[in-house]
Protein backbone atom coordinates (compact mmCIF):
# COMPACT_ATOMS: atom_id res chain seq x y z
CA MET A 1 57.06 91.14 133.05
CA GLN A 2 58.77 91.07 129.80
CA GLN A 3 55.54 91.82 127.85
CA LEU A 4 54.79 94.83 130.35
CA THR A 5 58.66 96.22 129.88
CA LEU A 6 58.02 96.40 125.86
CA LEU A 7 54.82 97.68 126.21
CA LEU A 8 56.17 100.55 128.57
CA PHE A 9 58.86 101.01 126.20
CA GLU A 10 57.06 101.76 123.24
CA ARG A 11 54.76 103.79 125.38
CA MET A 12 57.83 105.94 126.46
CA GLY A 13 58.48 106.47 122.75
CA LEU A 14 55.70 109.27 122.63
CA LEU A 15 57.41 110.92 125.48
CA LEU A 16 60.54 111.03 123.96
CA LEU A 17 59.44 112.61 121.04
CA ILE A 18 58.17 115.14 123.23
CA THR A 19 61.45 115.69 124.76
CA PHE A 20 62.90 116.40 121.58
CA ILE A 21 60.82 118.58 120.76
CA LEU A 22 61.15 120.29 123.99
CA THR A 23 65.28 120.66 123.76
CA ARG A 24 64.64 122.83 120.29
CA LEU A 25 62.48 125.36 122.02
CA PRO A 26 64.74 128.72 123.27
CA GLN A 27 63.32 128.85 126.02
CA PHE A 28 64.60 125.63 127.42
CA ARG A 29 67.91 127.01 128.05
CA TYR A 30 66.73 128.99 131.13
CA LEU A 31 66.84 125.54 132.80
CA LEU A 32 69.96 124.64 131.17
CA ASP A 33 71.80 127.89 132.34
CA ARG A 34 69.93 127.94 135.62
CA ARG A 35 68.74 131.53 134.95
CA MET A 36 65.55 130.77 137.42
CA ASP A 37 63.36 133.74 138.43
CA TRP A 38 59.60 132.54 140.53
CA LYS A 39 58.14 132.66 137.19
CA THR A 40 60.60 130.58 135.70
CA GLY A 41 60.31 128.15 137.98
CA VAL A 42 56.41 128.01 138.50
CA THR A 43 56.48 127.83 134.55
CA PHE A 44 58.42 124.44 134.00
CA SER A 45 57.02 122.96 137.40
CA LEU A 46 53.58 123.17 135.46
CA PHE A 47 55.48 121.91 132.19
CA PHE A 48 57.05 118.73 134.25
CA GLY A 49 54.55 117.86 135.85
CA LEU A 50 52.29 117.84 132.52
CA VAL A 51 55.02 115.85 130.93
CA SER A 52 54.87 113.41 133.68
CA ILE A 53 51.52 113.18 133.54
CA GLY A 54 51.33 112.46 129.74
CA GLY A 55 53.87 109.36 131.60
CA THR A 56 51.34 108.32 133.33
CA TYR A 57 48.34 108.63 130.39
CA SER A 58 50.53 106.84 127.84
CA GLY A 59 51.19 103.61 131.23
CA VAL A 60 50.15 100.18 130.85
CA THR A 61 47.33 99.54 133.52
CA VAL A 62 47.30 96.51 135.66
CA GLY A 63 44.87 94.71 137.65
CA PRO A 64 43.84 91.32 138.93
CA GLY A 65 42.78 90.47 135.70
CA GLY A 66 46.38 90.69 133.69
CA ILE A 67 46.95 93.60 131.82
CA ASP A 68 45.26 96.40 129.51
CA SER A 69 47.47 97.04 127.21
CA SER A 70 44.15 100.12 126.01
CA ILE A 71 45.99 104.28 126.04
CA LEU A 72 44.54 106.77 127.78
CA ALA A 73 42.89 105.48 131.12
CA VAL A 74 40.83 108.14 132.55
CA SER A 75 40.69 106.06 135.66
CA LEU A 76 41.52 103.40 137.94
CA ASP A 77 39.81 100.65 139.76
CA PRO A 78 40.76 100.38 143.66
CA GLY A 79 42.61 97.37 142.96
CA GLU A 80 44.46 98.94 139.71
CA ALA A 81 47.40 100.03 139.16
CA MET A 82 49.72 102.18 136.29
CA ALA A 83 53.00 101.22 134.90
CA ASP A 84 54.27 104.13 133.56
CA SER A 85 57.05 106.41 132.65
CA ALA A 86 56.05 109.61 134.94
CA LEU A 87 58.46 109.58 136.72
CA ILE A 88 60.67 110.74 133.83
CA GLY A 89 59.52 114.34 134.14
CA ILE A 90 59.56 114.26 138.00
CA VAL A 91 63.45 113.72 138.01
CA MET A 92 64.48 115.66 135.47
CA ALA A 93 62.67 118.90 136.66
CA GLY A 94 64.82 117.90 139.64
CA LEU A 95 68.11 117.60 138.08
CA LEU A 96 67.34 120.54 135.82
CA GLY A 97 65.43 123.09 138.02
CA GLY A 98 66.40 122.27 141.49
CA VAL A 99 65.01 121.37 144.67
CA ALA A 100 61.71 124.03 143.83
CA VAL A 101 61.02 122.96 139.95
CA GLY A 102 61.24 119.16 141.29
CA THR A 103 58.88 119.44 143.93
CA GLY A 104 56.50 121.53 141.94
CA ALA A 105 56.33 118.96 139.29
CA GLY A 106 55.84 116.00 141.79
CA ILE A 107 52.92 117.85 143.82
CA LEU A 108 51.51 118.11 140.24
CA SER A 109 52.25 114.28 139.12
CA GLY A 110 51.12 113.03 142.48
CA VAL A 111 47.67 115.18 142.92
CA HIS A 112 46.95 114.47 139.40
CA ALA A 113 47.87 110.08 140.41
CA LEU A 114 45.41 110.27 143.44
CA TRP A 115 42.57 111.97 141.37
CA MET A 116 42.71 108.87 139.04
CA GLY A 117 42.58 106.63 141.89
CA GLY A 118 43.70 102.90 141.93
CA MET A 119 45.94 101.42 144.33
CA THR A 120 48.95 103.23 144.20
CA GLY A 121 46.75 106.83 144.04
CA MET A 122 47.60 107.77 147.40
CA ALA A 123 50.86 106.50 147.49
CA GLU A 124 52.21 108.42 144.95
CA VAL A 125 50.71 112.16 146.52
CA TRP A 126 53.36 111.17 148.79
CA SER A 127 56.45 109.67 146.68
CA THR A 128 56.07 111.85 143.59
CA PRO A 129 57.13 115.16 145.82
CA ILE A 130 59.72 113.71 147.59
CA ILE A 131 61.10 111.64 144.07
CA GLY A 132 61.71 115.76 142.86
CA LEU A 133 62.39 117.06 146.20
CA LEU A 134 65.58 114.59 146.73
CA ALA A 135 66.44 114.65 142.41
CA GLY A 136 66.83 119.11 142.96
CA LEU A 137 69.41 118.30 146.09
CA VAL A 138 71.35 115.67 143.94
CA ALA A 139 71.66 118.18 141.40
CA ARG A 140 73.32 120.60 143.61
CA PHE A 141 76.37 118.09 143.85
CA PHE A 142 77.08 118.38 140.24
CA ALA A 143 76.25 122.47 139.79
CA GLU A 144 79.11 122.35 138.05
CA GLU A 145 78.35 120.63 135.24
CA ARG A 146 75.77 122.86 133.05
CA VAL A 147 73.98 119.11 132.35
CA ILE A 148 74.36 116.19 134.27
CA ALA A 149 75.91 113.29 132.46
CA PRO A 150 73.69 110.67 131.02
CA VAL A 151 75.46 107.82 132.89
CA LYS A 152 75.24 109.94 136.31
CA ALA A 153 71.24 110.41 135.48
CA LEU A 154 70.84 106.80 134.85
CA PHE A 155 71.94 105.85 137.60
CA ILE A 156 70.30 108.44 139.83
CA SER A 157 67.16 107.69 138.12
CA VAL A 158 67.03 103.92 139.11
CA PHE A 159 66.46 105.09 142.73
CA ALA A 160 63.19 106.72 142.33
CA PRO A 161 60.40 103.80 141.19
CA ILE A 162 62.59 101.59 144.06
CA LEU A 163 61.40 104.96 146.12
CA GLN A 164 57.77 104.97 144.80
CA MET A 165 57.39 100.98 145.51
CA GLY A 166 58.76 101.27 148.70
CA VAL A 167 55.66 103.77 150.05
CA ILE A 168 53.57 101.79 148.06
CA LEU A 169 53.72 98.93 150.45
CA ILE A 170 53.87 101.58 153.31
CA VAL A 171 50.53 102.80 152.45
CA HIS A 172 49.09 99.84 151.98
CA GLU A 173 51.36 98.23 155.48
CA SER A 174 52.61 95.19 152.68
CA SER A 175 49.45 93.55 152.30
CA PRO A 176 49.33 90.18 149.77
CA ALA A 177 48.14 92.62 147.18
CA ALA A 178 50.70 95.37 147.40
CA ILE A 179 53.05 92.48 147.05
CA GLU A 180 52.03 90.94 144.44
CA MET A 181 51.73 94.50 142.21
CA VAL A 182 54.61 95.79 143.59
CA ASN A 183 56.38 92.63 142.01
CA ILE A 184 54.30 93.17 138.63
CA ILE A 185 55.28 96.37 137.78
CA GLY A 186 58.39 97.58 140.14
CA VAL A 187 61.22 95.77 137.57
CA PRO A 188 59.56 97.15 134.51
CA MET A 189 59.06 100.72 135.75
CA VAL A 190 62.56 100.74 137.25
CA ILE A 191 64.07 99.74 133.71
CA ALA A 192 61.77 102.49 131.89
CA ASN A 193 61.82 105.26 133.74
CA SER A 194 65.83 104.96 134.45
CA ILE A 195 66.62 104.39 130.89
CA GLY A 196 63.82 107.28 129.54
CA VAL A 197 65.93 109.55 131.67
CA GLY A 198 69.71 108.30 130.20
CA VAL A 199 67.68 109.04 126.99
CA PHE A 200 66.44 112.44 128.13
CA VAL A 201 69.51 113.56 129.24
CA THR A 202 71.38 112.34 126.13
CA MET A 203 69.23 113.97 124.01
CA ILE A 204 69.68 117.36 125.61
CA LEU A 205 73.10 116.92 125.12
CA ALA A 206 73.09 116.18 121.69
CA ALA A 207 71.08 119.90 121.31
CA LEU A 208 73.64 121.66 122.88
CA ARG A 209 76.75 120.16 121.19
CA GLU A 210 74.68 121.37 117.70
CA GLU A 211 73.54 124.69 118.90
CA GLU A 212 77.33 125.60 120.33
CA ARG A 213 78.36 124.04 116.86
CA ALA A 214 76.41 125.86 114.78
CA ALA A 215 77.15 129.02 117.07
CA ALA A 216 80.72 128.46 116.61
CA SER A 217 80.17 128.59 112.90
CA GLU A 218 78.40 131.36 112.79
CA THR A 219 80.67 133.16 114.35
CA GLN A 220 83.18 132.53 112.44
CA ARG A 221 81.65 133.01 109.55
CA ALA A 222 80.65 136.66 111.04
CA LEU A 223 84.29 137.07 111.61
CA HIS A 224 85.41 136.23 108.23
CA ILE A 225 83.15 138.74 106.87
CA ALA A 226 83.98 141.59 109.32
CA GLU A 227 87.56 141.41 108.62
CA MET A 228 87.22 141.72 104.82
CA ALA A 229 84.90 144.75 105.35
CA LEU A 230 86.06 146.37 107.94
CA PRO A 231 89.53 147.32 105.47
CA TYR A 232 87.30 149.48 103.55
CA LEU A 233 84.97 150.30 106.20
CA LYS A 234 87.73 152.09 108.18
CA GLN A 235 88.27 154.18 105.24
CA GLY A 236 85.04 156.51 105.75
CA LEU A 237 81.94 155.75 104.63
CA THR A 238 81.85 156.78 101.02
CA PHE A 239 80.12 155.60 98.22
CA GLN A 240 83.58 153.73 97.34
CA THR A 241 83.97 151.74 99.96
CA ALA A 242 79.78 151.09 101.00
CA GLU A 243 79.86 149.51 97.26
CA ALA A 244 82.73 147.35 97.73
CA THR A 245 81.22 146.20 101.74
CA ALA A 246 78.14 145.93 99.70
CA TYR A 247 79.33 143.43 97.52
CA ILE A 248 81.35 141.37 99.87
CA LEU A 249 78.38 140.88 102.30
CA ARG A 250 76.04 139.85 99.44
CA ARG A 251 78.15 137.00 98.37
CA GLU A 252 78.70 136.05 101.44
CA LEU A 253 75.53 135.79 103.15
CA ARG A 254 73.94 134.84 99.73
CA ALA A 255 71.37 137.49 99.98
CA SER A 256 68.55 138.84 97.23
CA ALA A 257 70.43 142.16 98.17
CA VAL A 258 72.67 144.04 100.34
CA ALA A 259 72.20 147.88 100.68
CA VAL A 260 74.94 150.15 103.04
CA THR A 261 74.01 153.59 104.18
CA ASP A 262 74.85 156.12 106.41
CA THR A 263 72.64 158.08 108.46
CA GLU A 264 71.11 159.85 106.00
CA GLU A 265 71.15 158.30 102.74
CA ILE A 266 71.83 155.48 100.58
CA LEU A 267 75.92 154.97 99.95
CA ALA A 268 75.23 151.49 98.11
CA HIS A 269 73.02 149.28 96.63
CA VAL A 270 74.00 145.52 95.38
CA GLY A 271 71.49 142.63 93.92
CA ILE A 272 67.81 142.61 92.89
CA GLY A 273 66.66 146.17 92.70
CA THR A 274 69.53 148.06 92.51
CA LYS A 275 68.39 150.55 89.92
CA ARG A 276 65.35 151.75 92.07
CA HIS A 277 67.92 152.71 95.04
CA VAL A 278 70.12 155.25 93.74
CA PRO A 279 73.39 156.12 96.09
CA GLY A 280 72.76 159.54 97.17
CA GLU A 281 68.69 158.85 97.54
CA ARG A 282 67.70 159.46 101.13
CA ILE A 283 66.78 157.43 103.55
CA ARG A 284 62.75 156.78 103.48
CA THR A 285 61.82 153.38 105.28
CA GLU A 286 60.28 153.85 108.59
CA LEU A 287 62.15 150.83 109.82
CA SER A 288 65.30 152.37 108.86
CA ARG A 289 64.76 155.72 110.86
CA LYS A 290 63.93 153.76 113.87
CA ALA A 291 67.24 151.67 113.52
CA ILE A 292 68.88 154.88 113.53
CA GLU A 293 67.42 156.49 116.56
CA SER A 294 66.94 153.14 118.71
CA GLY A 295 70.31 151.31 117.68
CA ASP A 296 68.73 148.29 117.49
CA ILE A 297 68.46 145.72 114.59
CA GLN A 298 64.93 145.87 112.92
CA ILE A 299 63.05 143.04 110.69
CA ALA A 300 60.97 143.96 107.58
CA ARG A 301 58.61 141.31 107.38
CA VAL A 302 55.87 142.28 104.59
CA LYS A 303 57.02 144.02 101.69
CA GLU A 304 55.00 147.44 102.56
CA GLN A 305 57.54 148.29 105.22
CA ILE A 306 60.40 147.71 102.00
CA GLN A 307 59.94 151.28 100.34
CA PRO A 308 60.69 151.87 97.18
CA HIS A 309 60.15 148.15 96.89
CA HIS A 310 60.78 145.30 94.45
CA PRO A 311 58.69 142.84 94.11
CA SER A 312 60.95 140.59 94.22
CA LEU A 313 61.88 141.73 97.93
CA GLY A 314 59.92 140.36 100.12
CA ALA A 315 61.27 140.84 103.76
CA ALA A 316 65.24 142.41 105.30
CA ILE A 317 66.97 142.88 108.38
CA ILE A 318 67.99 146.20 108.91
CA VAL A 319 71.21 146.41 110.99
CA PRO A 320 72.42 149.59 112.37
CA PHE A 321 76.66 149.72 113.17
CA ARG A 322 78.20 152.18 115.58
CA SER A 323 81.38 153.83 115.94
CA GLY A 324 82.20 156.23 118.45
CA GLY A 325 79.16 155.00 120.39
CA GLN A 326 76.66 156.66 118.24
CA VAL A 327 75.26 154.93 115.02
CA ALA A 328 76.84 155.39 112.40
CA GLY A 329 75.02 154.17 109.14
CA LEU A 330 73.11 150.81 108.19
CA ILE A 331 73.45 147.24 106.40
CA LYS A 332 70.39 146.42 104.88
CA LEU A 333 69.99 142.46 104.24
CA TYR A 334 67.32 141.58 101.59
CA TYR A 335 65.38 138.40 100.80
CA GLN A 336 63.32 137.37 98.50
CA SER A 337 60.70 135.76 101.51
CA VAL A 338 60.27 136.29 105.54
CA ARG A 339 60.70 132.26 105.55
CA GLN A 340 64.53 133.04 104.77
CA ILE A 341 64.91 134.92 107.62
CA ARG A 342 65.75 132.23 110.51
CA PRO A 343 66.73 132.56 113.90
CA VAL A 344 70.48 131.81 112.82
CA GLU A 345 70.21 134.62 110.60
CA GLU A 346 69.17 136.85 113.34
CA ALA A 347 71.53 135.78 115.01
CA PHE A 348 74.50 136.61 112.88
CA ALA A 349 73.04 139.58 111.84
CA LYS A 350 73.35 140.66 115.83
CA GLY A 351 77.16 139.37 115.58
CA LEU A 352 77.59 140.84 112.81
CA SER A 353 76.57 144.48 114.15
CA LYS A 354 79.07 144.08 117.42
CA LEU A 355 81.66 142.65 115.31
CA ILE A 356 81.87 145.76 113.21
CA SER A 357 80.72 148.36 115.68
CA ILE A 358 83.94 147.08 117.97
CA GLN A 359 86.15 147.05 115.03
CA LEU A 360 85.47 150.46 113.85
CA ASP A 361 85.90 151.67 117.45
CA ILE A 362 88.70 149.84 117.47
CA ALA A 363 89.84 151.67 114.34
CA MET A 364 88.52 154.82 115.96
CA ALA A 365 91.73 154.41 118.98
CA GLU A 366 94.21 153.68 116.47
CA GLN A 367 93.79 156.83 114.00
CA LEU A 368 93.33 159.02 117.65
CA ARG A 369 96.49 157.59 118.73
CA ASP A 370 98.68 157.86 115.71
CA LEU A 371 97.25 161.57 115.66
CA MET A 372 97.86 162.26 119.23
CA LYS A 373 101.40 160.93 118.11
CA ASP A 374 101.71 162.92 115.37
CA ALA A 375 100.71 165.95 117.10
CA GLU A 376 103.15 165.31 119.89
CA LEU A 377 105.82 164.55 117.16
CA LYS A 378 105.41 167.67 115.85
CA ALA A 379 105.42 169.65 118.97
CA LEU A 380 108.69 167.77 119.97
CA GLN A 381 110.11 168.43 117.06
CA ALA A 382 109.23 172.20 116.41
CA GLN A 383 110.63 173.20 119.65
CA ILE A 384 114.04 174.98 119.70
CA ASN A 385 116.70 176.01 122.40
CA PRO A 386 115.73 179.39 122.92
CA HIS A 387 119.60 179.78 124.40
CA PHE A 388 120.91 178.71 121.38
CA LEU A 389 119.11 181.38 119.54
CA PHE A 390 119.81 183.87 122.11
CA ASN A 391 123.35 183.07 122.21
CA THR A 392 123.54 183.23 118.57
CA LEU A 393 121.70 186.54 118.29
CA ASN A 394 124.16 187.80 120.95
CA ALA A 395 127.22 186.95 119.12
CA ILE A 396 125.94 188.31 115.71
CA VAL A 397 125.54 191.78 117.83
CA THR A 398 129.12 191.37 118.72
CA LEU A 399 130.52 190.64 115.50
CA ILE A 400 128.58 193.45 114.01
CA ARG A 401 131.24 195.66 115.54
CA VAL A 402 134.16 194.01 115.16
CA ASN A 403 134.07 191.72 112.11
CA PRO A 404 130.61 192.45 109.91
CA ASP A 405 131.92 189.90 107.38
CA ALA A 406 131.42 187.15 109.78
CA ALA A 407 128.41 188.53 111.11
CA ARG A 408 126.78 188.64 107.86
CA ARG A 409 128.07 184.87 107.19
CA VAL A 410 126.33 184.06 110.90
CA THR A 411 122.90 185.88 109.90
CA VAL A 412 122.71 184.00 106.56
CA GLN A 413 123.84 180.49 107.79
CA LEU A 414 121.13 181.22 111.26
CA GLY A 415 118.39 181.92 108.28
CA SER A 416 119.54 178.66 106.43
CA TYR A 417 118.98 176.73 109.97
CA MET A 418 115.65 178.37 110.90
CA ARG A 419 114.18 177.45 107.14
CA MET A 420 115.50 173.80 107.65
CA ASN A 421 114.40 173.74 110.72
CA LEU A 422 110.65 174.46 109.91
CA THR A 423 110.89 172.36 107.05
CA MET A 424 112.31 168.97 108.03
CA THR A 425 109.52 169.22 110.89
CA GLN A 426 107.14 168.55 108.69
CA SER A 427 107.43 165.15 108.52
CA PRO A 428 108.71 162.55 111.44
CA LEU A 429 111.10 160.96 109.46
CA VAL A 430 113.88 162.57 107.16
CA PRO A 431 116.82 160.88 104.78
CA LEU A 432 119.96 160.90 106.87
CA TYR A 433 122.07 163.55 104.06
CA LYS A 434 119.16 166.11 105.24
CA GLU A 435 119.48 165.43 108.84
CA LEU A 436 123.45 165.81 108.16
CA GLU A 437 122.93 169.09 105.90
CA HIS A 438 120.93 170.39 108.79
CA LEU A 439 123.84 169.03 111.68
CA HIS A 440 126.48 170.98 109.50
CA THR A 441 124.98 174.12 109.50
CA TYR A 442 124.35 174.26 112.88
CA LEU A 443 128.00 173.63 113.34
CA GLY A 444 128.86 176.74 111.01
CA ILE A 445 127.25 178.77 113.02
CA VAL A 446 128.72 177.24 116.61
CA LYS A 447 132.49 178.07 114.73
CA ILE A 448 131.71 181.59 114.99
CA ARG A 449 131.10 181.62 118.43
CA PHE A 450 133.51 178.31 119.61
CA GLU A 451 136.52 179.12 117.05
CA GLU A 452 139.63 177.44 117.98
CA GLN A 453 138.54 175.87 121.36
CA LEU A 454 136.31 172.99 119.84
CA ALA A 455 136.89 170.02 117.18
CA ILE A 456 133.99 168.00 115.68
CA THR A 457 134.28 164.99 113.80
CA CYS A 458 131.51 163.37 112.07
CA VAL A 459 131.73 159.93 110.23
CA CYS A 460 129.08 158.30 108.33
CA ASP A 461 129.64 154.94 106.54
CA PRO A 462 128.57 155.31 102.66
CA GLY A 463 125.78 154.10 101.60
CA LEU A 464 123.42 155.59 104.35
CA GLU A 465 122.32 158.45 102.65
CA SER A 466 118.52 157.48 102.51
CA VAL A 467 118.13 155.87 105.75
CA SER A 468 115.18 157.52 107.71
CA ILE A 469 115.93 159.43 110.36
CA PRO A 470 113.64 161.71 113.01
CA PRO A 471 114.24 165.25 112.09
CA SER A 472 116.37 167.54 114.35
CA THR A 473 117.91 164.19 116.38
CA LEU A 474 122.04 164.84 115.79
CA GLN A 475 121.61 168.71 116.67
CA PRO A 476 120.46 168.65 120.03
CA LEU A 477 122.74 165.63 120.97
CA VAL A 478 125.54 167.69 119.72
CA GLU A 479 124.26 170.86 121.39
CA ASN A 480 123.96 169.22 124.93
CA SER A 481 127.86 167.86 124.38
CA ILE A 482 129.11 171.68 123.51
CA ASN A 483 126.72 173.17 126.21
CA HIS A 484 126.84 171.10 129.08
CA GLY A 485 129.39 167.81 128.66
CA LEU A 486 132.17 170.63 127.69
CA LYS A 487 130.89 173.35 130.45
CA GLY A 488 134.39 174.60 132.12
CA LYS A 489 136.74 172.73 130.40
CA THR A 490 140.20 174.66 129.69
CA ASP A 491 141.59 173.09 127.01
CA ARG A 492 140.49 172.06 124.23
CA GLY A 493 137.12 169.93 123.33
CA GLU A 494 136.06 167.33 120.78
CA ILE A 495 132.95 166.11 119.47
CA ARG A 496 133.01 162.97 117.74
CA VAL A 497 129.44 161.75 115.76
CA GLU A 498 130.00 158.16 113.83
CA LEU A 499 127.00 156.81 111.97
CA ARG A 500 128.21 152.86 111.29
CA ARG A 501 126.13 149.71 109.75
CA SER A 502 125.67 146.95 111.66
CA GLY A 503 123.98 144.55 110.09
CA ASP A 504 120.09 145.63 109.75
CA VAL A 505 120.42 148.16 112.32
CA VAL A 506 122.59 151.80 111.90
CA ILE A 507 124.33 152.45 115.13
CA VAL A 508 124.71 156.29 116.07
CA THR A 509 126.99 157.52 118.69
CA VAL A 510 128.08 160.82 120.06
CA ASP A 511 131.62 161.18 122.23
CA ASP A 512 133.04 163.96 124.08
CA ASN A 513 135.67 164.29 126.34
CA GLY A 514 134.12 166.39 128.89
CA SER A 515 133.48 165.60 132.33
CA GLY A 516 130.61 163.02 131.63
CA PHE A 517 127.03 162.43 132.97
CA SER A 518 126.47 162.88 136.46
CA ALA A 519 125.53 159.71 138.30
CA PRO A 520 121.92 161.49 139.05
CA LEU A 521 121.46 161.92 135.60
CA LEU A 522 122.38 158.89 133.93
CA ASP A 523 119.67 156.99 136.07
CA LYS A 524 116.58 159.58 134.17
CA LEU A 525 118.74 161.42 131.72
CA GLY A 526 116.07 160.89 128.55
CA ASP A 527 112.93 159.61 130.24
CA SER A 528 112.28 163.39 131.86
CA PRO A 529 113.08 166.90 131.61
CA ALA A 530 116.03 167.07 134.08
CA ASP A 531 115.93 169.98 136.83
CA GLY A 532 118.83 171.83 138.33
CA SER A 533 121.59 173.76 137.12
CA GLU A 534 123.60 171.16 135.21
CA SER A 535 121.50 170.32 132.86
CA THR A 536 118.05 170.97 131.39
CA GLY A 537 117.77 167.62 130.17
CA LEU A 538 115.05 169.54 127.18
CA GLY A 539 116.39 168.51 124.12
CA ILE A 540 117.59 164.77 125.06
CA TYR A 541 114.11 164.30 126.46
CA ASN A 542 112.46 165.20 122.99
CA VAL A 543 114.97 162.99 121.02
CA ASN A 544 114.15 160.11 122.95
CA ARG A 545 111.04 160.20 122.92
CA ARG A 546 110.48 160.46 119.46
CA LEU A 547 112.79 157.89 118.70
CA ILE A 548 110.89 155.14 120.62
CA ASN A 549 107.72 156.77 119.31
CA LEU A 550 108.70 155.73 115.84
CA PHE A 551 111.36 152.98 116.09
CA GLY A 552 110.05 151.47 119.92
CA PRO A 553 111.80 151.17 122.67
CA ALA A 554 114.63 149.57 121.20
CA ALA A 555 115.56 152.91 119.77
CA ARG A 556 115.79 154.66 122.68
CA LEU A 557 118.93 156.29 123.80
CA ARG A 558 121.42 154.89 125.80
CA LEU A 559 123.80 157.29 127.91
CA THR A 560 126.90 155.98 129.10
CA ASN A 561 130.44 157.65 130.67
CA PRO A 562 133.10 155.36 128.45
CA PRO A 563 136.40 154.26 130.62
CA GLU A 564 138.77 156.26 128.88
CA GLY A 565 136.44 159.72 130.12
CA GLY A 566 133.91 161.75 128.44
CA ALA A 567 130.38 160.94 127.77
CA ARG A 568 128.59 159.01 125.28
CA ILE A 569 124.98 158.90 123.85
CA ALA A 570 124.28 156.07 121.36
CA PHE A 571 120.81 154.95 119.70
CA THR A 572 120.42 152.23 116.33
CA ILE A 573 117.90 153.11 114.22
CA PRO A 574 116.81 150.54 111.11
CA TYR A 575 118.51 150.34 108.48
CA GLN A 576 116.80 150.72 105.26
CA ALA A 577 118.55 151.50 102.08
CA ASP A 578 117.03 152.38 98.81
CA GLU A 579 118.57 153.28 95.28
CA ARG A 580 118.79 156.84 96.18
CA ARG A 581 122.56 157.80 96.72
CA GLU A 582 124.09 161.39 97.30
CA THR A 583 127.27 162.10 98.30
CA ILE A 584 128.21 163.00 101.62
CA ASP A 585 131.36 163.94 103.01
CA GLU A 586 133.16 160.97 105.06
CA GLY A 587 134.26 163.63 107.64
CA HIS A 588 133.84 167.35 108.90
CA ASP A 589 136.69 169.73 111.07
CA SER A 590 135.12 172.48 112.34
């Protein structure tokens, strides 16, 4: 028994060598991922059946004359049997492929055993399909595991030879010859087949871990390269950005040469053959055109496909990348020999293509969002309250008759106000001193209309002159207080504008002594233009939108009715001081 067990282990080494080669085949992943169809099932039933047959031929012949250690026995005499490792293939077929693959492999192995003859031939016709079926059923209990654990597989496979020995005894009705044969081959086959299955599974798991480590490494490398190249590609495909990208790719990929193109011409080529590939030269190779049209990676495996080619460049990977769903250009990775293009290079090229395409789409989305935000800001900034314009023009018409000098001053101030409004809307942010000049120009116009009925005070902490603020922010808030907060007030109206620094922010408040905001308006004013006769709310809404878009939700307007009466609008903007300082009056009364 000991001699037979050692012989089985020696012969099993050949089977495990085949297994090792098997785990390196890409097609083997279909079983591991359980992506089975009838074609795949038939293919792997045949494959594992052949593995089982190979295990039979590498077995040891046992007969009345003792053990025959010769290999590749073609047929067996009626009194002989084969102690082999054929059950490894059948058990693995069931564990990896399921019921159909396990049963199919078992039928093929059983038919071969019947053809060889011997004492166990008829018994194996029945036992091997049953073993494959049971292994497939057991695999369903471990469906959540990609590959069953080696210890579990070893334990399960112990029962396969035991079942086969039982069928042998049943077929031969427990004859003395059958009992003696089972005593000789039973234990060695249990040990050899169970350990073989455990080793088989261990090799598969090792191959998977190696593949996962390689995939993680390549993914990390692709991300690293994409991050370095993206800042240049985001600027657009120019000769300068393409050249910088090509240098990065050649250094990181250790390719013989790298070229970057758009859909029409070569933008950069670095490495071997640089003098032969001039930036601005039209794309001429058929594979490059095919890559642009199809959007698929192309591989040039012969020098004739690289035109104009360099004697030192024998192969290339042509990687298209997309922007906005359309192919935007190509990255060509040149190598001296086609042997340098391994499957890992092809997989990396596919990953790099997807990463760059995704990053370019994200960059385009960011640009579109910025453009939309900029367009929205300009539209909001360009809005002028028509009522203010109409009221000012009516005041000028009235003053022309009663006070021509005052009418002339108001006309000049209105012109200055309009000119400043147009100039300031060209930028999303302006220095605070310009915003205060704009406010003072507006107040100069308002003073003519309301004379002594209104007092406006503006207080600003020193050192805030160059703080950035959206243009036309203060004027609409003051205008809202005049037209709506003080509406219907019989005594003197007062408005106070304060700008105070508090740490890293500037707190801006606009207070009036009017009737305050109504309860319904407090909930929605600033978030949407209010309807009704109380207030249009458009000016406050526009200011709030611009503050949020430029500085975030923390800068939004806060509307309250203070306990002492009136209304208050407050907001904060970041404090960003520079060396520039200009004088602002600390107070202004009108």
